[in-house]
Structures are given as structure tokens and as C-alpha cells.
Amino acid sequence: MTVVSNKRQQLLDAALELLVEQGIQGAATSKIAKTAGVATGTLFHHFHSKQELINQLYLDIKSQLAEAMTKPLLEIEDLSDLKNTTKTMWNAAIDWSIANPLKLRFFLQFYHSPHLDSEIRAKAMNEILGFIGLLLKQGVERGIMAEYPEDLILDLCQGQFLSTAAFLIENPDKAFADEYRHAAFSVFWNAIRI
């Protein structure tokens, strides 16, 4: 990692911490720079505004989540089993969230926040996590999943995921209990299947 990319990452890490712990108002750019151990001017070298920093943080974290969700698919021999494929991605997303509670809290804060550009939210869902929409379309075409307006069902899927992950993080004794993991996926699956 170069010094420039390291400073950029330090800024993103500091922004994540401050945005989650102090909110948008408490995370002044000067505080973010100080927490990152860089000059305020360095922040504006990497990000033209606080809004751009928030947007980039959101996209970066969504990319990390997408990578975590798709990596286990490399080990599945039969991706035509949509329920199994969906369950694999669901569990990978939940595992990622449990391992990254601060990032999940960031998603919860900015899920429907006016502080996140709608274009960025759409980019995250349609490009970075576009494979979810493709999976849903494939399920509809094969008569496995119900046909709903795509934007609505994607938002509902995200809401169920965030709620489940938050519950399991708040209840660590249940986070890896088969009963809860199975129930959470069943509720999710039953909401999208025919």
C-alpha cells in the first residue's frame, strides 16, 4: 500500500469510526483528519467534500460486503440451486456483519439517510450488489421467486438483512446458533419465494 492510499484508508477508517460514534454532525472534517493522523488539507486532497468522503466510504464498505457474499460461491459446484446459492450468500453476509459490527452500524445509520446521495445508494445496489438483482430475476424466470417491483424487493431484502445482522450482533450468544440462523434465512426466503 502506498503512502497516498494508506492516508486515504486512514481517512476512511477515521470517518467510519466518527460517523458511527458521533453522527454526521459530530464527525467534522477536522476531527476526521485529526483521528486519521493527517492534516485537514490531506482530507480535501483525497475527497473534495465531506459528502464525497461519506459516499466513498459507503461504496467501499458495500464492495467489501459484496466480495464477502460472492467469495463462498466459488466453492459451490451447482449454482443452479437458487435456494442454496441464496442461503450461501445470506450466511456470508451475516458472517461479514458479525465480523464488522462498526460497518454494519454505518449501514444502519445511512440506510435511508438524507446524508447519502440517492445516486450512490443506487450505484451500490445496481452495480456493486447487482448480482442480487440478477439472482432475483433468475428466480422469477424459473418460477421459484415471486415477481415484485425490483426496487421494492431489493430494499426489503436489504432491510431484512440489516435487521437480522443487527439482532445477531446485539445477541452474540445467538449469532451462530443454528436455530436462529435457520429461522432468519427461512423468514427471508419465505418473503421472496412463491
N, C-alpha and C. Protein backbone atom coordinates (compact mmCIF):
# COMPACT_ATOMS: atom_id res chain seq x y z
N MET A 1 0.85 -1.18 0.00
CA MET A 1 0.00 0.00 0.00
C MET A 1 0.89 1.24 0.00
N THR A 2 0.62 2.16 -0.89
CA THR A 2 1.42 3.38 -0.97
C THR A 2 1.05 4.33 0.16
N VAL A 3 1.89 5.32 0.39
CA VAL A 3 1.63 6.32 1.43
C VAL A 3 0.32 7.04 1.13
N VAL A 4 0.09 7.37 -0.15
CA VAL A 4 -1.13 8.09 -0.53
C VAL A 4 -2.36 7.23 -0.26
N SER A 5 -2.34 5.97 -0.69
CA SER A 5 -3.50 5.12 -0.47
C SER A 5 -3.66 4.79 1.01
N ASN A 6 -2.54 4.73 1.75
CA ASN A 6 -2.60 4.49 3.18
C ASN A 6 -3.29 5.66 3.89
N LYS A 7 -2.96 6.88 3.51
CA LYS A 7 -3.60 8.06 4.11
C LYS A 7 -5.09 8.09 3.77
N ARG A 8 -5.40 7.74 2.54
CA ARG A 8 -6.81 7.69 2.12
C ARG A 8 -7.56 6.68 2.99
N GLN A 9 -6.96 5.51 3.20
CA GLN A 9 -7.60 4.48 4.01
C GLN A 9 -7.71 4.93 5.46
N GLN A 10 -6.69 5.61 5.98
CA GLN A 10 -6.75 6.14 7.34
C GLN A 10 -7.93 7.11 7.48
N LEU A 11 -8.14 7.92 6.47
CA LEU A 11 -9.26 8.87 6.49
C LEU A 11 -10.60 8.14 6.46
N LEU A 12 -10.71 7.11 5.64
CA LEU A 12 -11.95 6.33 5.58
C LEU A 12 -12.21 5.63 6.91
N ASP A 13 -11.17 5.07 7.50
CA ASP A 13 -11.31 4.39 8.80
C ASP A 13 -11.73 5.36 9.89
N ALA A 14 -11.11 6.53 9.90
CA ALA A 14 -11.46 7.55 10.91
C ALA A 14 -12.89 8.04 10.70
N ALA A 15 -13.27 8.24 9.45
CA ALA A 15 -14.63 8.69 9.16
C ALA A 15 -15.64 7.65 9.62
N LEU A 16 -15.37 6.40 9.37
CA LEU A 16 -16.27 5.33 9.81
C LEU A 16 -16.47 5.39 11.31
N GLU A 17 -15.38 5.44 12.03
CA GLU A 17 -15.44 5.47 13.50
C GLU A 17 -16.24 6.67 14.00
N LEU A 18 -15.92 7.85 13.50
CA LEU A 18 -16.57 9.07 13.98
C LEU A 18 -18.03 9.17 13.54
N LEU A 19 -18.32 8.78 12.32
CA LEU A 19 -19.71 8.84 11.84
C LEU A 19 -20.60 7.91 12.64
N VAL A 20 -20.11 6.73 12.96
CA VAL A 20 -20.91 5.78 13.73
C VAL A 20 -21.05 6.25 15.18
N GLU A 21 -19.96 6.71 15.77
CA GLU A 21 -19.99 7.06 17.19
C GLU A 21 -20.56 8.45 17.47
N GLN A 22 -20.38 9.40 16.54
CA GLN A 22 -20.80 10.78 16.83
C GLN A 22 -21.82 11.33 15.84
N GLY A 23 -22.16 10.57 14.82
CA GLY A 23 -23.14 11.04 13.85
C GLY A 23 -22.52 12.01 12.86
N ILE A 24 -23.33 12.41 11.90
CA ILE A 24 -22.86 13.27 10.82
C ILE A 24 -22.39 14.63 11.34
N GLN A 25 -23.10 15.18 12.31
CA GLN A 25 -22.74 16.49 12.85
C GLN A 25 -21.47 16.44 13.69
N GLY A 26 -21.29 15.34 14.41
CA GLY A 26 -20.12 15.22 15.28
C GLY A 26 -18.85 14.85 14.54
N ALA A 27 -19.01 14.42 13.31
CA ALA A 27 -17.84 13.99 12.52
C ALA A 27 -17.38 15.11 11.60
N ALA A 28 -16.91 16.18 12.20
CA ALA A 28 -16.39 17.30 11.41
C ALA A 28 -15.14 16.84 10.66
N THR A 29 -14.89 17.47 9.52
CA THR A 29 -13.72 17.08 8.72
C THR A 29 -12.43 17.25 9.51
N SER A 30 -12.37 18.28 10.36
CA SER A 30 -11.15 18.48 11.16
C SER A 30 -10.96 17.32 12.15
N LYS A 31 -12.06 16.81 12.72
CA LYS A 31 -11.97 15.67 13.63
C LYS A 31 -11.56 14.40 12.89
N ILE A 32 -12.11 14.24 11.70
CA ILE A 32 -11.77 13.06 10.90
C ILE A 32 -10.28 13.08 10.58
N ALA A 33 -9.78 14.22 10.13
CA ALA A 33 -8.36 14.35 9.80
C ALA A 33 -7.49 14.09 11.03
N LYS A 34 -7.87 14.69 12.16
CA LYS A 34 -7.09 14.52 13.39
C LYS A 34 -7.07 13.05 13.82
N THR A 35 -8.23 12.40 13.78
CA THR A 35 -8.31 10.99 14.16
C THR A 35 -7.48 10.12 13.22
N ALA A 36 -7.44 10.51 11.94
CA ALA A 36 -6.64 9.77 10.95
C ALA A 36 -5.15 10.07 11.07
N GLY A 37 -4.81 11.12 11.82
CA GLY A 37 -3.41 11.50 11.98
C GLY A 37 -2.83 12.20 10.77
N VAL A 38 -3.71 12.93 10.06
CA VAL A 38 -3.26 13.67 8.87
C VAL A 38 -3.78 15.11 8.96
N ALA A 39 -3.23 15.97 8.13
CA ALA A 39 -3.68 17.36 8.09
C ALA A 39 -5.05 17.43 7.40
N THR A 40 -5.84 18.43 7.78
CA THR A 40 -7.16 18.62 7.17
C THR A 40 -7.04 18.77 5.66
N GLY A 41 -5.99 19.43 5.22
CA GLY A 41 -5.77 19.59 3.78
C GLY A 41 -5.61 18.26 3.06
N THR A 42 -5.05 17.28 3.77
CA THR A 42 -4.89 15.94 3.19
C THR A 42 -6.25 15.31 2.92
N LEU A 43 -7.19 15.55 3.83
CA LEU A 43 -8.55 15.03 3.63
C LEU A 43 -9.11 15.58 2.32
N PHE A 44 -8.96 16.89 2.12
CA PHE A 44 -9.53 17.51 0.92
C PHE A 44 -8.71 17.22 -0.34
N HIS A 45 -7.51 16.70 -0.17
CA HIS A 45 -6.75 16.23 -1.32
C HIS A 45 -7.37 14.93 -1.86
N HIS A 46 -7.84 14.10 -0.94
CA HIS A 46 -8.42 12.80 -1.32
C HIS A 46 -9.92 12.88 -1.59
N PHE A 47 -10.61 13.76 -0.89
CA PHE A 47 -12.06 13.89 -1.02
C PHE A 47 -12.40 15.37 -1.08
N HIS A 48 -13.12 15.77 -2.10
CA HIS A 48 -13.42 17.19 -2.29
C HIS A 48 -14.35 17.76 -1.24
N SER A 49 -15.11 16.88 -0.58
CA SER A 49 -16.05 17.34 0.43
C SER A 49 -16.32 16.21 1.42
N LYS A 50 -16.94 16.56 2.50
CA LYS A 50 -17.35 15.56 3.49
C LYS A 50 -18.35 14.60 2.85
N GLN A 51 -19.22 15.14 2.00
CA GLN A 51 -20.21 14.31 1.32
C GLN A 51 -19.53 13.26 0.44
N GLU A 52 -18.50 13.68 -0.28
CA GLU A 52 -17.77 12.73 -1.13
C GLU A 52 -17.11 11.64 -0.28
N LEU A 53 -16.60 12.02 0.87
CA LEU A 53 -15.99 11.06 1.78
C LEU A 53 -17.03 10.03 2.25
N ILE A 54 -18.21 10.51 2.64
CA ILE A 54 -19.28 9.61 3.09
C ILE A 54 -19.70 8.68 1.95
N ASN A 55 -19.88 9.25 0.77
CA ASN A 55 -20.28 8.45 -0.38
C ASN A 55 -19.25 7.36 -0.68
N GLN A 56 -17.97 7.74 -0.66
CA GLN A 56 -16.92 6.77 -0.96
C GLN A 56 -16.82 5.69 0.11
N LEU A 57 -17.00 6.09 1.36
CA LEU A 57 -16.99 5.13 2.45
C LEU A 57 -18.11 4.11 2.26
N TYR A 58 -19.28 4.59 1.92
CA TYR A 58 -20.44 3.71 1.70
C TYR A 58 -20.14 2.72 0.57
N LEU A 59 -19.62 3.23 -0.54
CA LEU A 59 -19.31 2.36 -1.69
C LEU A 59 -18.21 1.35 -1.35
N ASP A 60 -17.19 1.79 -0.64
CA ASP A 60 -16.10 0.89 -0.26
C ASP A 60 -16.60 -0.24 0.63
N ILE A 61 -17.42 0.10 1.60
CA ILE A 61 -17.93 -0.92 2.52
C ILE A 61 -18.89 -1.86 1.79
N LYS A 62 -19.72 -1.32 0.92
CA LYS A 62 -20.62 -2.17 0.12
C LYS A 62 -19.80 -3.13 -0.75
N SER A 63 -18.68 -2.66 -1.28
CA SER A 63 -17.81 -3.52 -2.09
C SER A 63 -17.22 -4.65 -1.24
N GLN A 64 -16.85 -4.34 -0.01
CA GLN A 64 -16.32 -5.37 0.88
C GLN A 64 -17.39 -6.41 1.18
N LEU A 65 -18.61 -5.94 1.41
CA LEU A 65 -19.73 -6.86 1.66
C LEU A 65 -19.98 -7.73 0.43
N ALA A 66 -20.00 -7.13 -0.74
CA ALA A 66 -20.23 -7.89 -1.98
C ALA A 66 -19.17 -8.97 -2.17
N GLU A 67 -17.93 -8.62 -1.91
CA GLU A 67 -16.85 -9.60 -2.03
C GLU A 67 -17.05 -10.75 -1.05
N ALA A 68 -17.44 -10.42 0.17
CA ALA A 68 -17.67 -11.46 1.18
C ALA A 68 -18.84 -12.37 0.79
N MET A 69 -19.84 -11.80 0.15
CA MET A 69 -21.01 -12.58 -0.25
C MET A 69 -20.73 -13.51 -1.43
N THR A 70 -19.89 -13.09 -2.34
CA THR A 70 -19.66 -13.87 -3.56
C THR A 70 -18.49 -14.85 -3.44
N LYS A 71 -17.57 -14.60 -2.56
CA LYS A 71 -16.40 -15.48 -2.42
C LYS A 71 -16.78 -16.93 -2.15
N PRO A 72 -17.73 -17.22 -1.25
CA PRO A 72 -18.08 -18.63 -0.99
C PRO A 72 -18.73 -19.33 -2.18
N LEU A 73 -19.23 -18.56 -3.14
CA LEU A 73 -19.86 -19.17 -4.31
C LEU A 73 -18.86 -19.93 -5.16
N LEU A 74 -17.59 -19.59 -5.03
CA LEU A 74 -16.55 -20.29 -5.79
C LEU A 74 -16.44 -21.75 -5.37
N GLU A 75 -16.91 -22.05 -4.17
CA GLU A 75 -16.82 -23.42 -3.66
C GLU A 75 -18.07 -24.25 -3.94
N ILE A 76 -19.10 -23.63 -4.50
CA ILE A 76 -20.34 -24.34 -4.79
C ILE A 76 -20.27 -24.93 -6.19
N GLU A 77 -20.50 -26.22 -6.29
CA GLU A 77 -20.44 -26.88 -7.59
C GLU A 77 -21.67 -26.59 -8.44
N ASP A 78 -22.85 -26.54 -7.81
CA ASP A 78 -24.10 -26.37 -8.55
C ASP A 78 -24.77 -25.06 -8.16
N LEU A 79 -24.49 -24.02 -8.93
CA LEU A 79 -25.10 -22.71 -8.66
C LEU A 79 -26.53 -22.62 -9.16
N SER A 80 -27.02 -23.68 -9.82
CA SER A 80 -28.40 -23.65 -10.32
C SER A 80 -29.42 -23.83 -9.19
N ASP A 81 -28.98 -24.32 -8.05
CA ASP A 81 -29.85 -24.44 -6.88
C ASP A 81 -29.94 -23.05 -6.23
N LEU A 82 -30.96 -22.29 -6.64
CA LEU A 82 -31.05 -20.89 -6.20
C LEU A 82 -31.22 -20.74 -4.70
N LYS A 83 -31.95 -21.64 -4.09
CA LYS A 83 -32.13 -21.54 -2.64
C LYS A 83 -30.79 -21.71 -1.93
N ASN A 84 -30.03 -22.71 -2.32
CA ASN A 84 -28.72 -22.94 -1.71
C ASN A 84 -27.76 -21.78 -1.99
N THR A 85 -27.78 -21.28 -3.21
CA THR A 85 -26.93 -20.14 -3.57
C THR A 85 -27.30 -18.92 -2.74
N THR A 86 -28.59 -18.67 -2.63
CA THR A 86 -29.07 -17.52 -1.85
C THR A 86 -28.70 -17.69 -0.38
N LYS A 87 -28.87 -18.90 0.15
CA LYS A 87 -28.54 -19.16 1.55
C LYS A 87 -27.04 -18.97 1.80
N THR A 88 -26.22 -19.40 0.86
CA THR A 88 -24.77 -19.23 0.99
C THR A 88 -24.41 -17.75 1.06
N MET A 89 -25.00 -16.96 0.16
CA MET A 89 -24.72 -15.52 0.17
C MET A 89 -25.27 -14.86 1.43
N TRP A 90 -26.46 -15.25 1.84
CA TRP A 90 -27.09 -14.70 3.05
C TRP A 90 -26.18 -14.95 4.26
N ASN A 91 -25.76 -16.19 4.45
CA ASN A 91 -24.91 -16.52 5.60
C ASN A 91 -23.56 -15.82 5.53
N ALA A 92 -23.02 -15.69 4.34
CA ALA A 92 -21.75 -14.97 4.19
C ALA A 92 -21.92 -13.50 4.57
N ALA A 93 -23.04 -12.91 4.19
CA ALA A 93 -23.31 -11.51 4.54
C ALA A 93 -23.49 -11.35 6.05
N ILE A 94 -24.18 -12.27 6.66
CA ILE A 94 -24.38 -12.22 8.11
C ILE A 94 -23.03 -12.41 8.82
N ASP A 95 -22.24 -13.37 8.38
CA ASP A 95 -20.92 -13.59 8.98
C ASP A 95 -20.04 -12.35 8.86
N TRP A 96 -20.07 -11.72 7.68
CA TRP A 96 -19.29 -10.50 7.46
C TRP A 96 -19.74 -9.41 8.44
N SER A 97 -21.03 -9.29 8.63
CA SER A 97 -21.57 -8.26 9.52
C SER A 97 -21.15 -8.49 10.97
N ILE A 98 -21.20 -9.74 11.39
CA ILE A 98 -20.80 -10.07 12.76
C ILE A 98 -19.32 -9.76 12.96
N ALA A 99 -18.52 -9.99 11.93
CA ALA A 99 -17.09 -9.70 12.00
C ALA A 99 -16.78 -8.20 11.86
N ASN A 100 -17.76 -7.44 11.36
CA ASN A 100 -17.57 -6.00 11.10
C ASN A 100 -18.73 -5.18 11.66
N PRO A 101 -18.94 -5.22 12.97
CA PRO A 101 -20.12 -4.55 13.53
C PRO A 101 -20.14 -3.04 13.32
N LEU A 102 -18.98 -2.40 13.30
CA LEU A 102 -18.95 -0.95 13.08
C LEU A 102 -19.45 -0.62 11.67
N LYS A 103 -19.06 -1.43 10.71
CA LYS A 103 -19.50 -1.21 9.33
C LYS A 103 -21.00 -1.46 9.19
N LEU A 104 -21.51 -2.45 9.91
CA LEU A 104 -22.95 -2.68 9.88
C LEU A 104 -23.68 -1.49 10.50
N ARG A 105 -23.18 -0.97 11.60
CA ARG A 105 -23.82 0.19 12.23
C ARG A 105 -23.81 1.39 11.28
N PHE A 106 -22.76 1.53 10.49
CA PHE A 106 -22.71 2.59 9.48
C PHE A 106 -23.84 2.39 8.47
N PHE A 107 -24.01 1.17 7.99
CA PHE A 107 -25.11 0.89 7.05
C PHE A 107 -26.45 1.21 7.68
N LEU A 108 -26.64 0.82 8.92
CA LEU A 108 -27.91 1.09 9.60
C LEU A 108 -28.18 2.59 9.69
N GLN A 109 -27.15 3.38 9.97
CA GLN A 109 -27.31 4.83 10.07
C GLN A 109 -27.60 5.48 8.73
N PHE A 110 -27.00 4.96 7.68
CA PHE A 110 -27.10 5.62 6.37
C PHE A 110 -28.02 4.90 5.39
N TYR A 111 -28.70 3.87 5.84
CA TYR A 111 -29.59 3.05 5.01
C TYR A 111 -30.59 3.91 4.24
N HIS A 112 -31.28 4.78 4.94
CA HIS A 112 -32.24 5.69 4.30
C HIS A 112 -31.97 7.14 4.71
N SER A 113 -30.73 7.45 4.94
CA SER A 113 -30.36 8.78 5.40
C SER A 113 -30.35 9.79 4.26
N PRO A 114 -30.82 11.00 4.53
CA PRO A 114 -30.71 12.06 3.52
C PRO A 114 -29.25 12.49 3.31
N HIS A 115 -28.36 12.02 4.17
CA HIS A 115 -26.94 12.38 4.06
C HIS A 115 -26.18 11.48 3.08
N LEU A 116 -26.89 10.56 2.46
CA LEU A 116 -26.27 9.71 1.45
C LEU A 116 -26.97 9.98 0.12
N ASP A 117 -26.20 10.33 -0.89
CA ASP A 117 -26.77 10.64 -2.20
C ASP A 117 -27.54 9.43 -2.74
N SER A 118 -28.72 9.69 -3.28
CA SER A 118 -29.54 8.60 -3.83
C SER A 118 -28.83 7.91 -4.99
N GLU A 119 -28.02 8.67 -5.73
CA GLU A 119 -27.27 8.07 -6.84
C GLU A 119 -26.24 7.06 -6.31
N ILE A 120 -25.66 7.37 -5.18
CA ILE A 120 -24.68 6.46 -4.57
C ILE A 120 -25.38 5.21 -4.07
N ARG A 121 -26.53 5.38 -3.45
CA ARG A 121 -27.30 4.24 -2.97
C ARG A 121 -27.67 3.33 -4.15
N ALA A 122 -28.10 3.95 -5.25
CA ALA A 122 -28.48 3.18 -6.45
C ALA A 122 -27.26 2.48 -7.05
N LYS A 123 -26.13 3.17 -7.08
CA LYS A 123 -24.90 2.57 -7.62
C LYS A 123 -24.51 1.34 -6.80
N ALA A 124 -24.60 1.47 -5.49
CA ALA A 124 -24.25 0.34 -4.62
C ALA A 124 -25.16 -0.85 -4.89
N MET A 125 -26.45 -0.59 -5.03
CA MET A 125 -27.39 -1.70 -5.20
C MET A 125 -27.35 -2.26 -6.62
N ASN A 126 -27.24 -1.41 -7.61
CA ASN A 126 -27.34 -1.86 -9.00
C ASN A 126 -26.02 -2.30 -9.62
N GLU A 127 -24.92 -1.76 -9.14
CA GLU A 127 -23.62 -2.13 -9.70
C GLU A 127 -22.85 -3.05 -8.76
N ILE A 128 -22.56 -2.57 -7.58
CA ILE A 128 -21.74 -3.35 -6.65
C ILE A 128 -22.46 -4.62 -6.21
N LEU A 129 -23.74 -4.49 -5.88
CA LEU A 129 -24.54 -5.64 -5.46
C LEU A 129 -25.51 -6.07 -6.55
N GLY A 130 -25.20 -5.76 -7.79
CA GLY A 130 -26.08 -6.08 -8.91
C GLY A 130 -26.38 -7.56 -9.05
N PHE A 131 -25.49 -8.40 -8.55
CA PHE A 131 -25.71 -9.85 -8.64
C PHE A 131 -26.96 -10.28 -7.87
N ILE A 132 -27.37 -9.50 -6.88
CA ILE A 132 -28.58 -9.85 -6.13
C ILE A 132 -29.81 -9.68 -7.02
N GLY A 133 -29.87 -8.57 -7.73
CA GLY A 133 -30.97 -8.36 -8.66
C GLY A 133 -31.02 -9.43 -9.74
N LEU A 134 -29.85 -9.82 -10.23
CA LEU A 134 -29.79 -10.88 -11.25
C LEU A 134 -30.29 -12.21 -10.69
N LEU A 135 -29.93 -12.51 -9.45
CA LEU A 135 -30.39 -13.73 -8.79
C LEU A 135 -31.91 -13.72 -8.65
N LEU A 136 -32.46 -12.57 -8.24
CA LEU A 136 -33.91 -12.46 -8.10
C LEU A 136 -34.60 -12.62 -9.45
N LYS A 137 -34.07 -12.02 -10.50
CA LYS A 137 -34.65 -12.16 -11.84
C LYS A 137 -34.62 -13.61 -12.30
N GLN A 138 -33.51 -14.27 -12.04
CA GLN A 138 -33.40 -15.68 -12.42
C GLN A 138 -34.44 -16.50 -11.66
N GLY A 139 -34.64 -16.19 -10.39
CA GLY A 139 -35.64 -16.89 -9.59
C GLY A 139 -37.04 -16.69 -10.12
N VAL A 140 -37.35 -15.47 -10.55
CA VAL A 140 -38.66 -15.18 -11.12
C VAL A 140 -38.84 -15.94 -12.43
N GLU A 141 -37.83 -15.89 -13.29
CA GLU A 141 -37.89 -16.58 -14.59
C GLU A 141 -38.08 -18.08 -14.42
N ARG A 142 -37.52 -18.65 -13.38
CA ARG A 142 -37.64 -20.09 -13.14
C ARG A 142 -38.85 -20.45 -12.30
N GLY A 143 -39.65 -19.46 -11.92
CA GLY A 143 -40.86 -19.72 -11.15
C GLY A 143 -40.62 -20.09 -9.70
N ILE A 144 -39.47 -19.71 -9.18
CA ILE A 144 -39.11 -20.02 -7.79
C ILE A 144 -39.41 -18.84 -6.87
N MET A 145 -39.19 -17.64 -7.39
CA MET A 145 -39.37 -16.43 -6.58
C MET A 145 -40.52 -15.61 -7.13
N ALA A 146 -41.18 -14.92 -6.21
CA ALA A 146 -42.32 -14.08 -6.58
C ALA A 146 -41.84 -12.86 -7.36
N GLU A 147 -42.69 -12.38 -8.25
CA GLU A 147 -42.34 -11.20 -9.04
C GLU A 147 -42.92 -9.96 -8.37
N TYR A 148 -42.03 -9.13 -7.90
CA TYR A 148 -42.38 -7.86 -7.27
C TYR A 148 -41.58 -6.77 -7.97
N PRO A 149 -41.96 -5.50 -7.79
CA PRO A 149 -41.12 -4.43 -8.35
C PRO A 149 -39.70 -4.56 -7.79
N GLU A 150 -38.73 -4.56 -8.69
CA GLU A 150 -37.34 -4.86 -8.30
C GLU A 150 -36.81 -3.90 -7.24
N ASP A 151 -37.07 -2.61 -7.39
CA ASP A 151 -36.54 -1.66 -6.41
C ASP A 151 -37.12 -1.91 -5.02
N LEU A 152 -38.40 -2.28 -4.97
CA LEU A 152 -39.04 -2.56 -3.68
C LEU A 152 -38.46 -3.82 -3.05
N ILE A 153 -38.37 -4.90 -3.82
CA ILE A 153 -37.89 -6.16 -3.24
C ILE A 153 -36.42 -6.06 -2.82
N LEU A 154 -35.62 -5.34 -3.59
CA LEU A 154 -34.21 -5.15 -3.19
C LEU A 154 -34.11 -4.38 -1.88
N ASP A 155 -34.94 -3.37 -1.72
CA ASP A 155 -34.93 -2.59 -0.48
C ASP A 155 -35.41 -3.44 0.69
N LEU A 156 -36.45 -4.24 0.45
CA LEU A 156 -36.95 -5.12 1.52
C LEU A 156 -35.91 -6.18 1.89
N CYS A 157 -35.22 -6.73 0.89
CA CYS A 157 -34.16 -7.71 1.17
C CYS A 157 -33.06 -7.08 2.03
N GLN A 158 -32.68 -5.87 1.66
CA GLN A 158 -31.64 -5.18 2.42
C GLN A 158 -32.11 -4.91 3.84
N GLY A 159 -33.36 -4.51 3.99
CA GLY A 159 -33.91 -4.26 5.32
C GLY A 159 -33.90 -5.50 6.19
N GLN A 160 -34.30 -6.63 5.61
CA GLN A 160 -34.29 -7.89 6.38
C GLN A 160 -32.87 -8.27 6.78
N PHE A 161 -31.95 -8.12 5.85
CA PHE A 161 -30.55 -8.43 6.15
C PHE A 161 -30.03 -7.55 7.29
N LEU A 162 -30.25 -6.24 7.19
CA LEU A 162 -29.75 -5.33 8.21
C LEU A 162 -30.36 -5.62 9.57
N SER A 163 -31.66 -5.89 9.60
CA SER A 163 -32.33 -6.19 10.87
C SER A 163 -31.79 -7.48 11.48
N THR A 164 -31.64 -8.49 10.66
CA THR A 164 -31.12 -9.77 11.15
C THR A 164 -29.70 -9.62 11.68
N ALA A 165 -28.85 -8.98 10.91
CA ALA A 165 -27.46 -8.80 11.32
C ALA A 165 -27.38 -8.00 12.61
N ALA A 166 -28.16 -6.93 12.71
CA ALA A 166 -28.15 -6.12 13.93
C ALA A 166 -28.61 -6.94 15.14
N PHE A 167 -29.66 -7.74 14.96
CA PHE A 167 -30.15 -8.59 16.04
C PHE A 167 -29.06 -9.56 16.51
N LEU A 168 -28.40 -10.19 15.56
CA LEU A 168 -27.38 -11.18 15.92
C LEU A 168 -26.15 -10.54 16.55
N ILE A 169 -25.82 -9.34 16.15
CA ILE A 169 -24.70 -8.63 16.77
C ILE A 169 -25.06 -8.23 18.20
N GLU A 170 -26.30 -7.80 18.40
CA GLU A 170 -26.75 -7.41 19.74
C GLU A 170 -26.95 -8.62 20.66
N ASN A 171 -27.08 -9.79 20.08
CA ASN A 171 -27.29 -11.03 20.83
C ASN A 171 -26.22 -12.05 20.43
N PRO A 172 -24.97 -11.81 20.82
CA PRO A 172 -23.88 -12.66 20.34
C PRO A 172 -24.03 -14.14 20.70
N ASP A 173 -24.76 -14.44 21.77
CA ASP A 173 -24.98 -15.83 22.14
C ASP A 173 -25.85 -16.56 21.12
N LYS A 174 -26.56 -15.80 20.28
CA LYS A 174 -27.44 -16.39 19.27
C LYS A 174 -26.87 -16.28 17.86
N ALA A 175 -25.77 -15.57 17.72
CA ALA A 175 -25.22 -15.25 16.40
C ALA A 175 -24.89 -16.48 15.57
N PHE A 176 -24.46 -17.55 16.21
CA PHE A 176 -24.09 -18.76 15.46
C PHE A 176 -24.94 -19.96 15.84
N ALA A 177 -26.04 -19.69 16.56
CA ALA A 177 -26.96 -20.77 16.93
C ALA A 177 -27.76 -21.19 15.69
N ASP A 178 -27.73 -22.48 15.39
CA ASP A 178 -28.42 -22.99 14.19
C ASP A 178 -29.89 -22.58 14.15
N GLU A 179 -30.55 -22.62 15.29
CA GLU A 179 -31.97 -22.27 15.35
C GLU A 179 -32.21 -20.85 14.83
N TYR A 180 -31.41 -19.92 15.24
CA TYR A 180 -31.58 -18.52 14.83
C TYR A 180 -31.12 -18.30 13.39
N ARG A 181 -30.02 -18.91 13.02
CA ARG A 181 -29.53 -18.75 11.65
C ARG A 181 -30.54 -19.34 10.66
N HIS A 182 -31.06 -20.52 10.97
CA HIS A 182 -32.03 -21.17 10.10
C HIS A 182 -33.32 -20.35 10.04
N ALA A 183 -33.79 -19.90 11.18
CA ALA A 183 -35.03 -19.11 11.22
C ALA A 183 -34.88 -17.81 10.44
N ALA A 184 -33.77 -17.14 10.60
CA ALA A 184 -33.55 -15.87 9.91
C ALA A 184 -33.57 -16.06 8.40
N PHE A 185 -32.88 -17.09 7.92
CA PHE A 185 -32.89 -17.33 6.47
C PHE A 185 -34.28 -17.76 6.00
N SER A 186 -34.96 -18.58 6.77
CA SER A 186 -36.30 -19.04 6.38
C SER A 186 -37.27 -17.87 6.24
N VAL A 187 -37.22 -16.94 7.17
CA VAL A 187 -38.08 -15.75 7.08
C VAL A 187 -37.75 -14.97 5.81
N PHE A 188 -36.47 -14.80 5.54
CA PHE A 188 -36.03 -14.09 4.34
C PHE A 188 -36.49 -14.83 3.08
N TRP A 189 -36.21 -16.11 3.00
CA TRP A 189 -36.55 -16.90 1.82
C TRP A 189 -38.06 -16.92 1.59
N ASN A 190 -38.83 -17.09 2.65
CA ASN A 190 -40.29 -17.15 2.50
C ASN A 190 -40.88 -15.82 2.03
N ALA A 191 -40.16 -14.74 2.25
CA ALA A 191 -40.64 -13.43 1.79
C ALA A 191 -40.44 -13.24 0.29
N ILE A 192 -39.50 -13.97 -0.31
CA ILE A 192 -39.22 -13.75 -1.74
C ILE A 192 -39.65 -14.91 -2.63
N ARG A 193 -39.93 -16.06 -2.04
CA ARG A 193 -40.29 -17.21 -2.88
C ARG A 193 -41.78 -17.21 -3.19
N ILE A 194 -42.14 -18.05 -4.14
CA ILE A 194 -43.57 -18.19 -4.47
C ILE A 194 -44.21 -19.12 -3.48
